[in-house]
């Protein structure tokens, strides 16, 4: 079963499989390539994945943090913040912007953060998110360079957040967006859709919910 899935700048699709210490890619012509990862068994499954404009594959593991995998030489490197830490704040979700920069959400002991992987130094760069930002559920990149994210803030208020190309953050309360919404996607017109996890008399299941207009 596929665990994580991400598109590369060259059109290749990268993915991981639950319980398998490998990374796979599928080319536009359908050729599948397999890359071994040297990982302990409990560190096999990444919690998030993104492919940068430099062709590097970024994998977020529960204990180790963000690991950069270079498919050209089959090597991995744990990325760190400027202070040398690889653990705090804890990276949660990752997404690749249209310019190839990998952005992420992160959680600290008392605050939430947003950040990116520095293209020049390959370090994690984080800044404190606005107070309205609680735990980030999903992130998605818009073709024009903006990043959208959803989550639940103080008091359980759901929101839609946007990071523009100047790293300015805008938060909009979003009624009807549940805490467990997942599968965020956005197009060039800012049209947003979520995959909703819900329970009803027929049991649990996923349904798509599209939001009219823009945020």
Foldseek 3Di string as FASTA:
>chain_A
DWQEWEAEPQGKIWTADPQAQWIWIAHPVGDIDIAGHPDDRQFRGFQEWYAFNVRWIWGQTDPQGIWTADVVVRDIDQAEAPVRHRPPQGWHYWYAELNRWIKTWGDHPPFIWIWTQPPVPRHTDIDTDPQQDDDWAYWEYENVGKIWTWAAHPPRFIWIWIQHPVRDIDIDGDPPDHRNWADWYAYNQQWIKTWDWDQDPVGTDTDIDTDPDHD
